[in-house]
Amino acid sequence: MIQKLLIAYDGSDSARAAFDFALDLAGKYGAELHVLAVARPPEFGDEVETEAVIEQSRRHHAHTLQPLKSRTGALKAHFEVKVGHPAETIVLYAEDHGIDHIVVGHRGHGLFERWLIGSVARQVIAYAPCAVTVVRPRA
């Protein structure tokens, strides 16, 4: 039985489809819904003001989550923005909050791009402490 459900959300088409799926699943099971957006810090060597970039990214993600809040209805829902590597942050959040199911979107990168940079969904599947559902964007 699913009691705590985590949706990783970045505002993309696949994340919107994943949110719809997670919302439906949480409703069916009466599960607590956790919606997590991850702000990625700048790469080392980037000549930018790191704190300013992180704060701007946090504000962007908080703004992206805002419209979702009204869609959760009577569900117990938590919305949070964290800073870090997306896959690692999602897995750590799941471990720290006793999540039993994670829902992530699939970005649909090409084969070479997936091989070169990997996939957040693939890394979450590999290291998650619970079941993971990957939702593809609608056609």
C-alpha atoms as a PDB file:
ATOM      1  CA  MET A   1       0.000   0.000   0.000  1.00  0.00           C
ATOM      2  CA  ILE A   2       1.228   3.467  -0.868  1.00  0.00           C
ATOM      3  CA  GLN A   3       1.173   5.837   2.098  1.00  0.00           C
ATOM      4  CA  LYS A   4       3.729   8.486   1.068  1.00  0.00           C
ATOM      5  CA  LEU A   5       4.218   9.413  -2.562  1.00  0.00           C
ATOM      6  CA  LEU A   6       6.978  11.654  -3.908  1.00  0.00           C
ATOM      7  CA  ILE A   7       6.723  13.454  -7.232  1.00  0.00           C
ATOM      8  CA  ALA A   8       9.878  15.075  -8.595  1.00  0.00           C
ATOM      9  CA  TYR A   9       8.736  18.179 -10.471  1.00  0.00           C
ATOM     10  CA  ASP A  10      10.624  20.536 -12.787  1.00  0.00           C
ATOM     11  CA  GLY A  11       7.818  22.097 -14.800  1.00  0.00           C
ATOM     12  CA  SER A  12       8.553  20.162 -18.018  1.00  0.00           C
ATOM     13  CA  ASP A  13       5.882  18.382 -20.070  1.00  0.00           C
ATOM     14  CA  SER A  14       6.955  15.040 -18.638  1.00  0.00           C
ATOM     15  CA  ALA A  15       6.840  16.444 -15.085  1.00  0.00           C
ATOM     16  CA  ARG A  16       3.305  17.722 -15.659  1.00  0.00           C
ATOM     17  CA  ALA A  17       2.244  14.269 -16.897  1.00  0.00           C
ATOM     18  CA  ALA A  18       4.004  12.686 -13.902  1.00  0.00           C
ATOM     19  CA  PHE A  19       2.230  15.090 -11.517  1.00  0.00           C
ATOM     20  CA  ASP A  20      -1.155  14.149 -12.981  1.00  0.00           C
ATOM     21  CA  PHE A  21      -0.289  10.462 -12.573  1.00  0.00           C
ATOM     22  CA  ALA A  22       0.943  10.972  -8.990  1.00  0.00           C
ATOM     23  CA  LEU A  23      -2.111  13.025  -8.061  1.00  0.00           C
ATOM     24  CA  ASP A  24      -4.396  10.269  -9.338  1.00  0.00           C
ATOM     25  CA  LEU A  25      -2.382   7.578  -7.541  1.00  0.00           C
ATOM     26  CA  ALA A  26      -2.327   9.533  -4.275  1.00  0.00           C
ATOM     27  CA  GLY A  27      -6.082  10.022  -4.511  1.00  0.00           C
ATOM     28  CA  LYS A  28      -6.719   6.320  -5.084  1.00  0.00           C
ATOM     29  CA  TYR A  29      -4.592   5.270  -2.123  1.00  0.00           C
ATOM     30  CA  GLY A  30      -5.283   8.244   0.128  1.00  0.00           C
ATOM     31  CA  ALA A  31      -1.518   8.771   0.200  1.00  0.00           C
ATOM     32  CA  GLU A  32       0.343  11.799   1.496  1.00  0.00           C
ATOM     33  CA  LEU A  33       1.805  13.649  -1.488  1.00  0.00           C
ATOM     34  CA  HIS A  34       5.282  15.188  -1.467  1.00  0.00           C
ATOM     35  CA  VAL A  35       6.141  17.453  -4.403  1.00  0.00           C
ATOM     36  CA  LEU A  36       9.850  18.177  -4.735  1.00  0.00           C
ATOM     37  CA  ALA A  37      11.606  20.577  -7.097  1.00  0.00           C
ATOM     38  CA  VAL A  38      15.390  20.491  -7.216  1.00  0.00           C
ATOM     39  CA  ALA A  39      17.403  23.602  -8.039  1.00  0.00           C
ATOM     40  CA  ARG A  40      20.714  22.529  -9.511  1.00  0.00           C
ATOM     41  CA  PRO A  41      23.671  24.672  -8.387  1.00  0.00           C
ATOM     42  CA  PRO A  42      26.073  25.999 -11.032  1.00  0.00           C
ATOM     43  CA  GLU A  43      28.873  23.673 -12.105  1.00  0.00           C
ATOM     44  CA  PHE A  44      32.307  24.270 -10.625  1.00  0.00           C
ATOM     45  CA  GLY A  45      34.312  26.518 -12.880  1.00  0.00           C
ATOM     46  CA  ASP A  46      31.311  28.548 -13.973  1.00  0.00           C
ATOM     47  CA  GLU A  47      32.152  32.183 -13.448  1.00  0.00           C
ATOM     48  CA  VAL A  48      28.917  33.202 -11.799  1.00  0.00           C
ATOM     49  CA  GLU A  49      27.823  34.465  -8.426  1.00  0.00           C
ATOM     50  CA  THR A  50      26.751  31.094  -7.015  1.00  0.00           C
ATOM     51  CA  GLU A  51      24.431  32.324  -4.260  1.00  0.00           C
ATOM     52  CA  ALA A  52      22.563  34.621  -6.645  1.00  0.00           C
ATOM     53  CA  VAL A  53      22.103  31.828  -9.202  1.00  0.00           C
ATOM     54  CA  ILE A  54      20.873  29.407  -6.520  1.00  0.00           C
ATOM     55  CA  GLU A  55      18.434  31.957  -5.095  1.00  0.00           C
ATOM     56  CA  GLN A  56      17.086  32.776  -8.556  1.00  0.00           C
ATOM     57  CA  SER A  57      16.665  29.052  -9.248  1.00  0.00           C
ATOM     58  CA  ARG A  58      14.872  28.553  -5.910  1.00  0.00           C
ATOM     59  CA  ARG A  59      12.438  31.373  -6.723  1.00  0.00           C
ATOM     60  CA  HIS A  60      11.839  29.930 -10.192  1.00  0.00           C
ATOM     61  CA  HIS A  61      11.038  26.471  -8.804  1.00  0.00           C
ATOM     62  CA  ALA A  62       8.832  27.857  -6.025  1.00  0.00           C
ATOM     63  CA  HIS A  63       6.903  29.802  -8.682  1.00  0.00           C
ATOM     64  CA  THR A  64       6.618  26.618 -10.800  1.00  0.00           C
ATOM     65  CA  LEU A  65       5.138  24.693  -7.857  1.00  0.00           C
ATOM     66  CA  GLN A  66       2.579  27.378  -6.947  1.00  0.00           C
ATOM     67  CA  PRO A  67      -0.162  26.404  -9.464  1.00  0.00           C
ATOM     68  CA  LEU A  68       0.006  22.769  -8.336  1.00  0.00           C
ATOM     69  CA  LYS A  69      -1.007  23.558  -4.767  1.00  0.00           C
ATOM     70  CA  SER A  70      -4.636  24.217  -5.642  1.00  0.00           C
ATOM     71  CA  ARG A  71      -4.878  20.901  -7.514  1.00  0.00           C
ATOM     72  CA  THR A  72      -4.192  18.684  -4.485  1.00  0.00           C
ATOM     73  CA  GLY A  73      -7.655  19.213  -3.007  1.00  0.00           C
ATOM     74  CA  ALA A  74      -8.174  17.325   0.249  1.00  0.00           C
ATOM     75  CA  LEU A  75      -4.912  15.389  -0.043  1.00  0.00           C
ATOM     76  CA  LYS A  76      -2.250  16.042   2.558  1.00  0.00           C
ATOM     77  CA  ALA A  77       0.451  17.638   0.412  1.00  0.00           C
ATOM     78  CA  HIS A  78       3.935  19.021   1.031  1.00  0.00           C
ATOM     79  CA  PHE A  79       5.797  21.232  -1.438  1.00  0.00           C
ATOM     80  CA  GLU A  80       9.520  21.792  -1.177  1.00  0.00           C
ATOM     81  CA  VAL A  81      12.438  23.181  -3.173  1.00  0.00           C
ATOM     82  CA  LYS A  82      15.883  21.721  -2.450  1.00  0.00           C
ATOM     83  CA  VAL A  83      19.290  22.544  -3.925  1.00  0.00           C
ATOM     84  CA  GLY A  84      21.557  19.804  -5.260  1.00  0.00           C
ATOM     85  CA  HIS A  85      22.018  17.179  -7.935  1.00  0.00           C
ATOM     86  CA  PRO A  86      18.475  16.149  -8.925  1.00  0.00           C
ATOM     87  CA  ALA A  87      18.759  12.337  -8.682  1.00  0.00           C
ATOM     88  CA  GLU A  88      20.760  12.397  -5.464  1.00  0.00           C
ATOM     89  CA  THR A  89      18.435  14.949  -3.866  1.00  0.00           C
ATOM     90  CA  ILE A  90      15.318  12.970  -4.850  1.00  0.00           C
ATOM     91  CA  VAL A  91      16.718   9.722  -3.398  1.00  0.00           C
ATOM     92  CA  LEU A  92      17.883  11.397  -0.169  1.00  0.00           C
ATOM     93  CA  TYR A  93      14.502  13.108   0.248  1.00  0.00           C
ATOM     94  CA  ALA A  94      12.750   9.756  -0.195  1.00  0.00           C
ATOM     95  CA  GLU A  95      14.993   8.139   2.426  1.00  0.00           C
ATOM     96  CA  ASP A  96      14.602  11.007   4.909  1.00  0.00           C
ATOM     97  CA  HIS A  97      10.792  11.144   4.608  1.00  0.00           C
ATOM     98  CA  GLY A  98       9.926   7.428   4.478  1.00  0.00           C
ATOM     99  CA  ILE A  99       8.565   7.639   0.929  1.00  0.00           C
ATOM    100  CA  ASP A 100       7.157   4.369  -0.426  1.00  0.00           C
ATOM    101  CA  HIS A 101       6.758   5.378  -4.076  1.00  0.00           C
ATOM    102  CA  ILE A 102       8.502   7.933  -6.312  1.00  0.00           C
ATOM    103  CA  VAL A 103       7.078   9.283  -9.569  1.00  0.00           C
ATOM    104  CA  VAL A 104       9.402  11.004 -12.051  1.00  0.00           C
ATOM    105  CA  GLY A 105       9.006  12.227 -15.603  1.00  0.00           C
ATOM    106  CA  HIS A 106      11.046  10.929 -18.522  1.00  0.00           C
ATOM    107  CA  ARG A 107      12.623  13.719 -20.534  1.00  0.00           C
ATOM    108  CA  GLY A 108      12.995  11.701 -23.745  1.00  0.00           C
ATOM    109  CA  HIS A 109      16.607  12.552 -24.574  1.00  0.00           C
ATOM    110  CA  GLY A 110      18.119  10.786 -27.564  1.00  0.00           C
ATOM    111  CA  LEU A 111      20.242   7.651 -27.123  1.00  0.00           C
ATOM    112  CA  PHE A 112      23.597   9.452 -27.392  1.00  0.00           C
ATOM    113  CA  GLU A 113      22.558  12.167 -24.948  1.00  0.00           C
ATOM    114  CA  ARG A 114      21.323   9.576 -22.411  1.00  0.00           C
ATOM    115  CA  TRP A 115      24.587   7.649 -22.763  1.00  0.00           C
ATOM    116  CA  LEU A 116      26.684  10.773 -22.404  1.00  0.00           C
ATOM    117  CA  ILE A 117      24.955  12.482 -19.477  1.00  0.00           C
ATOM    118  CA  GLY A 118      22.788   9.756 -18.023  1.00  0.00           C
ATOM    119  CA  SER A 119      19.246  10.219 -16.921  1.00  0.00           C
ATOM    120  CA  VAL A 120      17.829  11.475 -13.639  1.00  0.00           C
ATOM    121  CA  ALA A 121      15.059   8.875 -13.895  1.00  0.00           C
ATOM    122  CA  ARG A 122      17.587   6.094 -14.483  1.00  0.00           C
ATOM    123  CA  GLN A 123      19.678   7.162 -11.489  1.00  0.00           C
ATOM    124  CA  VAL A 124      16.605   7.417  -9.252  1.00  0.00           C
ATOM    125  CA  ILE A 125      15.548   3.908 -10.295  1.00  0.00           C
ATOM    126  CA  ALA A 126      19.035   2.592  -9.523  1.00  0.00           C
ATOM    127  CA  TYR A 127      19.324   4.085  -6.025  1.00  0.00           C
ATOM    128  CA  ALA A 128      15.793   4.675  -4.723  1.00  0.00           C
ATOM    129  CA  PRO A 129      14.805   2.936  -1.482  1.00  0.00           C
ATOM    130  CA  CYS A 130      11.313   2.228  -2.881  1.00  0.00           C
ATOM    131  CA  ALA A 131       9.297   1.654  -6.052  1.00  0.00           C
ATOM    132  CA  VAL A 132       9.705   4.188  -8.872  1.00  0.00           C
ATOM    133  CA  THR A 133       7.314   4.960 -11.717  1.00  0.00           C
ATOM    134  CA  VAL A 134       8.629   6.804 -14.778  1.00  0.00           C
ATOM    135  CA  VAL A 135       5.973   8.701 -16.732  1.00  0.00           C
ATOM    136  CA  ARG A 136       6.564   9.723 -20.336  1.00  0.00           C
ATOM    137  CA  PRO A 137       5.137  12.997 -21.628  1.00  0.00           C
ATOM    138  CA  ARG A 138       1.839  12.839 -23.470  1.00  0.00           C
ATOM    139  CA  ALA A 139       2.064  12.567 -27.233  1.00  0.00           C
END
